[in-house]
């Protein structure tokens, strides 16, 4: 599967800045790494559609995607307030409507990724279901 590797300035400067902001509805997605004990944090723009919550990988099959597949559980939030979700990958043939709505929401900021990776199959998409907390 395809992957657009981010430049160092994006991972070291822009991503941390985006995760500290609430502009553009950017949230922080936190997931356990497959091969290490610490968590990975990435900025995402979640999409609510038809009563469900989704996250889309704009850059294709990155590490965070592989980590979500392995863990099946993520934390999502803003400004330090996180909720836990079960993550289920949406099959490529069911992503079209989600990706269309995502691109409309995220706007021109993501259009360049789709010029380079135009197929829906190139953009792993996960449905997030809230995890019930024990009472």
C-alpha atoms as a PDB file:
ATOM      1  CA  UNK A   1       0.000   0.000   0.000  1.00  0.00           C
ATOM      2  CA  UNK A   2       1.132   3.547  -0.749  1.00  0.00           C
ATOM      3  CA  UNK A   3       2.483   6.001   1.816  1.00  0.00           C
ATOM      4  CA  UNK A   4       3.468   9.670   1.570  1.00  0.00           C
ATOM      5  CA  UNK A   5       6.223  10.209   4.116  1.00  0.00           C
ATOM      6  CA  UNK A   6       5.967  13.584   5.857  1.00  0.00           C
ATOM      7  CA  UNK A   7       8.891  15.981   5.820  1.00  0.00           C
ATOM      8  CA  UNK A   8      10.817  16.456   9.068  1.00  0.00           C
ATOM      9  CA  UNK A   9       9.391  19.959   9.578  1.00  0.00           C
ATOM     10  CA  UNK A  10       5.891  18.480   9.573  1.00  0.00           C
ATOM     11  CA  UNK A  11       6.604  15.799  12.171  1.00  0.00           C
ATOM     12  CA  UNK A  12       8.774  17.995  14.391  1.00  0.00           C
ATOM     13  CA  UNK A  13       6.989  21.337  14.158  1.00  0.00           C
ATOM     14  CA  UNK A  14       3.593  21.394  12.410  1.00  0.00           C
ATOM     15  CA  UNK A  15       2.120  18.190  13.864  1.00  0.00           C
ATOM     16  CA  UNK A  16       2.851  19.120  17.511  1.00  0.00           C
ATOM     17  CA  UNK A  17       1.523  22.629  16.855  1.00  0.00           C
ATOM     18  CA  UNK A  18      -1.667  21.245  15.274  1.00  0.00           C
ATOM     19  CA  UNK A  19      -2.239  18.898  18.224  1.00  0.00           C
ATOM     20  CA  UNK A  20      -2.064  21.838  20.659  1.00  0.00           C
ATOM     21  CA  UNK A  21      -4.619  23.790  18.660  1.00  0.00           C
ATOM     22  CA  UNK A  22      -8.323  23.219  18.091  1.00  0.00           C
ATOM     23  CA  UNK A  23      -8.291  25.019  14.746  1.00  0.00           C
ATOM     24  CA  UNK A  24      -9.738  23.088  11.810  1.00  0.00           C
ATOM     25  CA  UNK A  25     -11.194  20.611  14.339  1.00  0.00           C
ATOM     26  CA  UNK A  26      -7.806  18.918  14.690  1.00  0.00           C
ATOM     27  CA  UNK A  27      -7.737  16.219  17.377  1.00  0.00           C
ATOM     28  CA  UNK A  28      -4.906  14.127  18.727  1.00  0.00           C
ATOM     29  CA  UNK A  29      -5.116  10.405  18.073  1.00  0.00           C
ATOM     30  CA  UNK A  30      -3.048   8.335  20.480  1.00  0.00           C
ATOM     31  CA  UNK A  31      -2.327   4.658  19.876  1.00  0.00           C
ATOM     32  CA  UNK A  32       0.049   2.103  21.395  1.00  0.00           C
ATOM     33  CA  UNK A  33       3.013   1.384  19.143  1.00  0.00           C
ATOM     34  CA  UNK A  34       3.333  -2.171  17.861  1.00  0.00           C
ATOM     35  CA  UNK A  35       6.993  -2.608  18.776  1.00  0.00           C
ATOM     36  CA  UNK A  36       7.493  -0.316  21.754  1.00  0.00           C
ATOM     37  CA  UNK A  37       5.878   0.601  25.030  1.00  0.00           C
ATOM     38  CA  UNK A  38       5.232   4.275  24.384  1.00  0.00           C
ATOM     39  CA  UNK A  39       2.264   5.722  22.558  1.00  0.00           C
ATOM     40  CA  UNK A  40       2.264   7.384  19.163  1.00  0.00           C
ATOM     41  CA  UNK A  41       0.397  10.664  18.774  1.00  0.00           C
ATOM     42  CA  UNK A  42      -0.748  12.110  15.461  1.00  0.00           C
ATOM     43  CA  UNK A  43      -3.054  14.953  14.455  1.00  0.00           C
ATOM     44  CA  UNK A  44      -6.292  13.893  12.766  1.00  0.00           C
ATOM     45  CA  UNK A  45      -9.529  15.558  11.733  1.00  0.00           C
ATOM     46  CA  UNK A  46     -12.332  13.238  12.850  1.00  0.00           C
ATOM     47  CA  UNK A  47     -15.500  13.051  10.805  1.00  0.00           C
ATOM     48  CA  UNK A  48     -18.976  12.486  12.210  1.00  0.00           C
ATOM     49  CA  UNK A  49     -21.269  10.977   9.605  1.00  0.00           C
ATOM     50  CA  UNK A  50     -24.603   9.213  10.005  1.00  0.00           C
ATOM     51  CA  UNK A  51     -24.132   8.945  13.771  1.00  0.00           C
ATOM     52  CA  UNK A  52     -20.661   7.378  13.507  1.00  0.00           C
ATOM     53  CA  UNK A  53     -17.170   8.767  14.039  1.00  0.00           C
ATOM     54  CA  UNK A  54     -14.360   8.145  11.546  1.00  0.00           C
ATOM     55  CA  UNK A  55     -10.672   8.971  11.081  1.00  0.00           C
ATOM     56  CA  UNK A  56      -9.003   8.893   7.677  1.00  0.00           C
ATOM     57  CA  UNK A  57      -5.319   8.550   6.874  1.00  0.00           C
ATOM     58  CA  UNK A  58      -4.511  11.276   4.367  1.00  0.00           C
ATOM     59  CA  UNK A  59      -0.996   9.962   3.737  1.00  0.00           C
ATOM     60  CA  UNK A  60      -1.837   6.296   3.230  1.00  0.00           C
ATOM     61  CA  UNK A  61      -0.388   3.390   5.162  1.00  0.00           C
ATOM     62  CA  UNK A  62       1.651   5.171   7.829  1.00  0.00           C
ATOM     63  CA  UNK A  63       2.891   3.797  11.133  1.00  0.00           C
ATOM     64  CA  UNK A  64      -0.142   5.079  13.012  1.00  0.00           C
ATOM     65  CA  UNK A  65      -2.406   3.064  10.688  1.00  0.00           C
ATOM     66  CA  UNK A  66      -0.419  -0.112  11.341  1.00  0.00           C
ATOM     67  CA  UNK A  67      -0.468   0.630  15.070  1.00  0.00           C
ATOM     68  CA  UNK A  68      -4.267   1.112  15.084  1.00  0.00           C
ATOM     69  CA  UNK A  69      -4.735  -2.170  13.240  1.00  0.00           C
ATOM     70  CA  UNK A  70      -2.564  -3.964  15.790  1.00  0.00           C
ATOM     71  CA  UNK A  71      -4.017  -2.295  18.898  1.00  0.00           C
ATOM     72  CA  UNK A  72      -7.670  -1.984  17.914  1.00  0.00           C
ATOM     73  CA  UNK A  73      -8.039   0.709  20.589  1.00  0.00           C
ATOM     74  CA  UNK A  74      -7.234   4.433  20.362  1.00  0.00           C
ATOM     75  CA  UNK A  75      -7.547   7.559  22.434  1.00  0.00           C
ATOM     76  CA  UNK A  76      -8.928  10.644  20.704  1.00  0.00           C
ATOM     77  CA  UNK A  77      -9.242  14.140  22.072  1.00  0.00           C
ATOM     78  CA  UNK A  78      -8.256  17.757  22.269  1.00  0.00           C
ATOM     79  CA  UNK A  79      -6.420  19.778  24.878  1.00  0.00           C
ATOM     80  CA  UNK A  80      -5.687  16.741  27.066  1.00  0.00           C
ATOM     81  CA  UNK A  81      -9.299  15.514  27.272  1.00  0.00           C
ATOM     82  CA  UNK A  82      -9.292  12.075  25.688  1.00  0.00           C
ATOM     83  CA  UNK A  83     -11.883   9.371  25.167  1.00  0.00           C
ATOM     84  CA  UNK A  84     -11.193   5.718  24.389  1.00  0.00           C
ATOM     85  CA  UNK A  85     -12.523   4.116  21.211  1.00  0.00           C
ATOM     86  CA  UNK A  86     -12.476   0.729  19.558  1.00  0.00           C
ATOM     87  CA  UNK A  87     -11.189   1.181  16.004  1.00  0.00           C
ATOM     88  CA  UNK A  88     -12.525  -0.924  13.133  1.00  0.00           C
ATOM     89  CA  UNK A  89     -11.109  -0.511   9.646  1.00  0.00           C
ATOM     90  CA  UNK A  90     -13.654   0.312   6.956  1.00  0.00           C
ATOM     91  CA  UNK A  91     -13.234  -1.921   3.879  1.00  0.00           C
ATOM     92  CA  UNK A  92     -11.911  -0.022   0.843  1.00  0.00           C
ATOM     93  CA  UNK A  93     -15.104  -0.595  -1.144  1.00  0.00           C
ATOM     94  CA  UNK A  94     -17.161   1.096   1.618  1.00  0.00           C
ATOM     95  CA  UNK A  95     -15.014   4.245   2.016  1.00  0.00           C
ATOM     96  CA  UNK A  96     -16.242   6.396  -0.867  1.00  0.00           C
ATOM     97  CA  UNK A  97     -18.993   8.321   0.958  1.00  0.00           C
ATOM     98  CA  UNK A  98     -16.861   8.728   4.076  1.00  0.00           C
ATOM     99  CA  UNK A  99     -13.889  10.022   2.113  1.00  0.00           C
ATOM    100  CA  UNK A 100     -16.050  12.421   0.083  1.00  0.00           C
ATOM    101  CA  UNK A 101     -17.477  13.890   3.314  1.00  0.00           C
ATOM    102  CA  UNK A 102     -14.018  13.964   4.908  1.00  0.00           C
ATOM    103  CA  UNK A 103     -12.502  15.864   1.991  1.00  0.00           C
ATOM    104  CA  UNK A 104     -15.364  18.361   2.094  1.00  0.00           C
ATOM    105  CA  UNK A 105     -14.809  18.899   5.834  1.00  0.00           C
ATOM    106  CA  UNK A 106     -10.996  19.016   5.777  1.00  0.00           C
ATOM    107  CA  UNK A 107     -10.918  21.226   2.696  1.00  0.00           C
ATOM    108  CA  UNK A 108      -8.008  22.157   0.544  1.00  0.00           C
ATOM    109  CA  UNK A 109      -5.534  21.193   3.257  1.00  0.00           C
ATOM    110  CA  UNK A 110      -5.873  17.560   2.179  1.00  0.00           C
ATOM    111  CA  UNK A 111      -6.403  17.861  -1.579  1.00  0.00           C
ATOM    112  CA  UNK A 112      -2.705  17.435  -2.380  1.00  0.00           C
ATOM    113  CA  UNK A 113      -2.681  14.013  -0.758  1.00  0.00           C
ATOM    114  CA  UNK A 114      -5.490  12.841  -3.040  1.00  0.00           C
ATOM    115  CA  UNK A 115      -3.680  14.138  -6.131  1.00  0.00           C
ATOM    116  CA  UNK A 116      -0.788  11.830  -5.204  1.00  0.00           C
ATOM    117  CA  UNK A 117      -2.913   8.959  -3.804  1.00  0.00           C
ATOM    118  CA  UNK A 118      -6.227   9.172  -5.674  1.00  0.00           C
ATOM    119  CA  UNK A 119      -7.782   5.786  -4.825  1.00  0.00           C
ATOM    120  CA  UNK A 120     -10.020   5.334  -1.777  1.00  0.00           C
ATOM    121  CA  UNK A 121      -8.056   2.143  -1.081  1.00  0.00           C
ATOM    122  CA  UNK A 122      -4.955   4.336  -0.537  1.00  0.00           C
ATOM    123  CA  UNK A 123      -6.550   6.017   2.493  1.00  0.00           C
ATOM    124  CA  UNK A 124      -7.126   3.640   5.412  1.00  0.00           C
ATOM    125  CA  UNK A 125     -10.270   4.684   7.252  1.00  0.00           C
ATOM    126  CA  UNK A 126     -11.354   3.630  10.726  1.00  0.00           C
ATOM    127  CA  UNK A 127     -14.744   3.738  12.407  1.00  0.00           C
ATOM    128  CA  UNK A 128     -14.383   4.680  16.077  1.00  0.00           C
ATOM    129  CA  UNK A 129     -16.839   3.266  18.589  1.00  0.00           C
ATOM    130  CA  UNK A 130     -16.773   4.600  22.166  1.00  0.00           C
ATOM    131  CA  UNK A 131     -15.458   2.083  24.670  1.00  0.00           C
ATOM    132  CA  UNK A 132     -17.750   1.575  27.625  1.00  0.00           C
ATOM    133  CA  UNK A 133     -16.099   2.439  30.887  1.00  0.00           C
ATOM    134  CA  UNK A 134     -16.658   0.022  33.764  1.00  0.00           C
ATOM    135  CA  UNK A 135     -19.172   1.302  36.316  1.00  0.00           C
END
